[in-house]
Amino acid sequence: MKKTKGAPDPDEIALIEWCIEVEGHLVAAGASLREAQDHIEEQAEWFTDMFYNGLTPEEAAKEALN
C-alpha cells in the first residue's frame, strides 16, 4: 500500500505517543515539562533506539534519570 502525501507514518505516531508517555514519567520524577521536552529533543536518537528496542516509557524514563 502506497502512503499518500501527508499521511502520518504509524511508526512515527507510535514513537511520538511513546515519547509523550516518557515525558510524563520525567515530569512525575521532578523535571519541569520544558526540561523533559528539551531532554527528549536533545537525545532524540537515543530515545528512538530505546523505543525500537522495546523499552516501556517508564523504563526509558528511568534510563534517562540515571
N, C-alpha and C. Protein backbone atom coordinates (compact mmCIF):
# COMPACT_ATOMS: atom_id res chain seq x y z
N MET A 1 0.84 -1.17 0.00
CA MET A 1 0.00 0.00 0.00
C MET A 1 0.89 1.24 0.00
N LYS A 2 0.62 2.12 -0.91
CA LYS A 2 1.41 3.34 -1.03
C LYS A 2 0.88 4.38 -0.05
N LYS A 3 1.81 5.03 0.63
CA LYS A 3 1.45 6.07 1.58
C LYS A 3 1.09 7.33 0.81
N THR A 4 -0.03 7.94 1.14
CA THR A 4 -0.43 9.17 0.48
C THR A 4 0.31 10.35 1.09
N LYS A 5 0.45 11.38 0.31
CA LYS A 5 1.14 12.59 0.78
C LYS A 5 0.43 13.13 2.01
N GLY A 6 1.20 13.38 3.04
CA GLY A 6 0.66 13.92 4.26
C GLY A 6 0.11 12.89 5.23
N ALA A 7 0.02 11.64 4.81
CA ALA A 7 -0.48 10.61 5.71
C ALA A 7 0.58 10.30 6.75
N PRO A 8 0.22 10.31 8.01
CA PRO A 8 1.21 10.04 9.06
C PRO A 8 1.69 8.59 9.03
N ASP A 9 2.95 8.42 9.32
CA ASP A 9 3.56 7.09 9.40
C ASP A 9 3.16 6.48 10.75
N PRO A 10 2.56 5.29 10.75
CA PRO A 10 2.13 4.66 12.01
C PRO A 10 3.27 4.49 13.02
N ASP A 11 4.47 4.16 12.55
CA ASP A 11 5.61 4.02 13.47
C ASP A 11 5.97 5.36 14.09
N GLU A 12 5.90 6.42 13.29
CA GLU A 12 6.21 7.75 13.81
C GLU A 12 5.19 8.18 14.85
N ILE A 13 3.93 7.89 14.58
CA ILE A 13 2.87 8.22 15.55
C ILE A 13 3.10 7.45 16.85
N ALA A 14 3.43 6.17 16.75
CA ALA A 14 3.68 5.35 17.95
C ALA A 14 4.87 5.90 18.73
N LEU A 15 5.92 6.31 18.03
CA LEU A 15 7.10 6.88 18.70
C LEU A 15 6.75 8.18 19.42
N ILE A 16 5.99 9.04 18.77
CA ILE A 16 5.60 10.30 19.40
C ILE A 16 4.76 10.05 20.64
N GLU A 17 3.80 9.15 20.54
CA GLU A 17 2.96 8.82 21.70
C GLU A 17 3.80 8.24 22.83
N TRP A 18 4.77 7.41 22.48
CA TRP A 18 5.66 6.80 23.47
C TRP A 18 6.48 7.90 24.16
N CYS A 19 7.00 8.85 23.37
CA CYS A 19 7.78 9.95 23.95
C CYS A 19 6.94 10.81 24.88
N ILE A 20 5.68 11.01 24.55
CA ILE A 20 4.79 11.77 25.43
C ILE A 20 4.64 11.05 26.76
N GLU A 21 4.57 9.73 26.72
CA GLU A 21 4.49 8.96 27.97
C GLU A 21 5.79 9.07 28.76
N VAL A 22 6.93 9.00 28.07
CA VAL A 22 8.22 9.16 28.73
C VAL A 22 8.28 10.54 29.40
N GLU A 23 7.85 11.54 28.68
CA GLU A 23 7.82 12.90 29.19
C GLU A 23 7.03 12.96 30.50
N GLY A 24 5.88 12.31 30.54
CA GLY A 24 5.07 12.28 31.75
C GLY A 24 5.79 11.66 32.93
N HIS A 25 6.55 10.60 32.67
CA HIS A 25 7.32 9.96 33.75
C HIS A 25 8.45 10.87 34.22
N LEU A 26 9.07 11.58 33.30
CA LEU A 26 10.14 12.50 33.70
C LEU A 26 9.58 13.65 34.55
N VAL A 27 8.43 14.15 34.17
CA VAL A 27 7.79 15.22 34.95
C VAL A 27 7.39 14.69 36.33
N ALA A 28 6.86 13.48 36.38
CA ALA A 28 6.47 12.88 37.66
C ALA A 28 7.68 12.70 38.58
N ALA A 29 8.86 12.54 37.97
CA ALA A 29 10.09 12.36 38.75
C ALA A 29 10.70 13.70 39.17
N GLY A 30 10.09 14.81 38.74
CA GLY A 30 10.57 16.11 39.21
C GLY A 30 11.07 17.07 38.15
N ALA A 31 11.17 16.63 36.93
CA ALA A 31 11.60 17.54 35.86
C ALA A 31 10.44 18.47 35.49
N SER A 32 10.77 19.66 35.04
CA SER A 32 9.71 20.53 34.52
C SER A 32 9.32 20.00 33.15
N LEU A 33 8.17 20.38 32.68
CA LEU A 33 7.72 19.96 31.36
C LEU A 33 8.73 20.39 30.30
N ARG A 34 9.22 21.60 30.39
CA ARG A 34 10.20 22.12 29.41
C ARG A 34 11.50 21.31 29.48
N GLU A 35 11.97 20.99 30.69
CA GLU A 35 13.19 20.19 30.83
C GLU A 35 13.01 18.81 30.20
N ALA A 36 11.87 18.19 30.44
CA ALA A 36 11.60 16.86 29.89
C ALA A 36 11.56 16.93 28.37
N GLN A 37 10.86 17.91 27.83
CA GLN A 37 10.77 18.05 26.37
C GLN A 37 12.14 18.33 25.76
N ASP A 38 12.89 19.23 26.37
CA ASP A 38 14.23 19.55 25.85
C ASP A 38 15.13 18.32 25.86
N HIS A 39 15.07 17.55 26.93
CA HIS A 39 15.93 16.37 27.03
C HIS A 39 15.58 15.36 25.94
N ILE A 40 14.30 15.13 25.75
CA ILE A 40 13.88 14.17 24.72
C ILE A 40 14.29 14.67 23.34
N GLU A 41 14.14 15.96 23.08
CA GLU A 41 14.54 16.52 21.78
C GLU A 41 16.05 16.41 21.57
N GLU A 42 16.82 16.73 22.62
CA GLU A 42 18.28 16.70 22.50
C GLU A 42 18.82 15.28 22.35
N GLN A 43 18.12 14.32 22.91
CA GLN A 43 18.55 12.92 22.87
C GLN A 43 17.61 12.07 22.01
N ALA A 44 17.07 12.66 20.97
CA ALA A 44 16.05 12.00 20.14
C ALA A 44 16.52 10.65 19.61
N GLU A 45 17.75 10.57 19.16
CA GLU A 45 18.24 9.30 18.60
C GLU A 45 18.29 8.22 19.68
N TRP A 46 18.76 8.58 20.85
CA TRP A 46 18.85 7.64 21.97
C TRP A 46 17.46 7.15 22.38
N PHE A 47 16.49 8.07 22.48
CA PHE A 47 15.13 7.68 22.83
C PHE A 47 14.52 6.82 21.73
N THR A 48 14.79 7.15 20.48
CA THR A 48 14.28 6.36 19.37
C THR A 48 14.82 4.93 19.44
N ASP A 49 16.10 4.80 19.76
CA ASP A 49 16.69 3.46 19.92
C ASP A 49 15.99 2.69 21.04
N MET A 50 15.73 3.36 22.16
CA MET A 50 15.06 2.68 23.27
C MET A 50 13.65 2.24 22.87
N PHE A 51 12.96 3.08 22.11
CA PHE A 51 11.63 2.73 21.62
C PHE A 51 11.69 1.47 20.77
N TYR A 52 12.60 1.45 19.81
CA TYR A 52 12.68 0.30 18.91
C TYR A 52 13.29 -0.94 19.59
N ASN A 53 13.97 -0.73 20.72
CA ASN A 53 14.49 -1.86 21.48
C ASN A 53 13.43 -2.41 22.45
N GLY A 54 12.25 -1.81 22.45
CA GLY A 54 11.14 -2.35 23.22
C GLY A 54 11.03 -1.90 24.66
N LEU A 55 11.77 -0.87 25.05
CA LEU A 55 11.63 -0.38 26.42
C LEU A 55 10.27 0.28 26.59
N THR A 56 9.72 0.14 27.77
CA THR A 56 8.48 0.85 28.08
C THR A 56 8.82 2.31 28.34
N PRO A 57 7.84 3.19 28.27
CA PRO A 57 8.12 4.59 28.60
C PRO A 57 8.71 4.75 30.01
N GLU A 58 8.21 3.96 30.95
CA GLU A 58 8.73 4.03 32.32
C GLU A 58 10.20 3.61 32.38
N GLU A 59 10.53 2.54 31.68
CA GLU A 59 11.93 2.08 31.64
C GLU A 59 12.84 3.12 31.00
N ALA A 60 12.36 3.75 29.94
CA ALA A 60 13.16 4.77 29.25
C ALA A 60 13.37 5.98 30.15
N ALA A 61 12.35 6.36 30.88
CA ALA A 61 12.49 7.50 31.80
C ALA A 61 13.49 7.18 32.90
N LYS A 62 13.46 5.94 33.41
CA LYS A 62 14.43 5.55 34.45
C LYS A 62 15.85 5.61 33.88
N GLU A 63 16.03 5.14 32.64
CA GLU A 63 17.36 5.22 32.00
C GLU A 63 17.80 6.68 31.88
N ALA A 64 16.88 7.54 31.51
CA ALA A 64 17.20 8.95 31.32
C ALA A 64 17.58 9.62 32.64
N LEU A 65 17.02 9.13 33.71
CA LEU A 65 17.28 9.73 35.03
C LEU A 65 18.57 9.21 35.66
N ASN A 66 19.16 8.17 35.09
CA ASN A 66 20.40 7.61 35.64
C ASN A 66 21.60 8.33 35.11
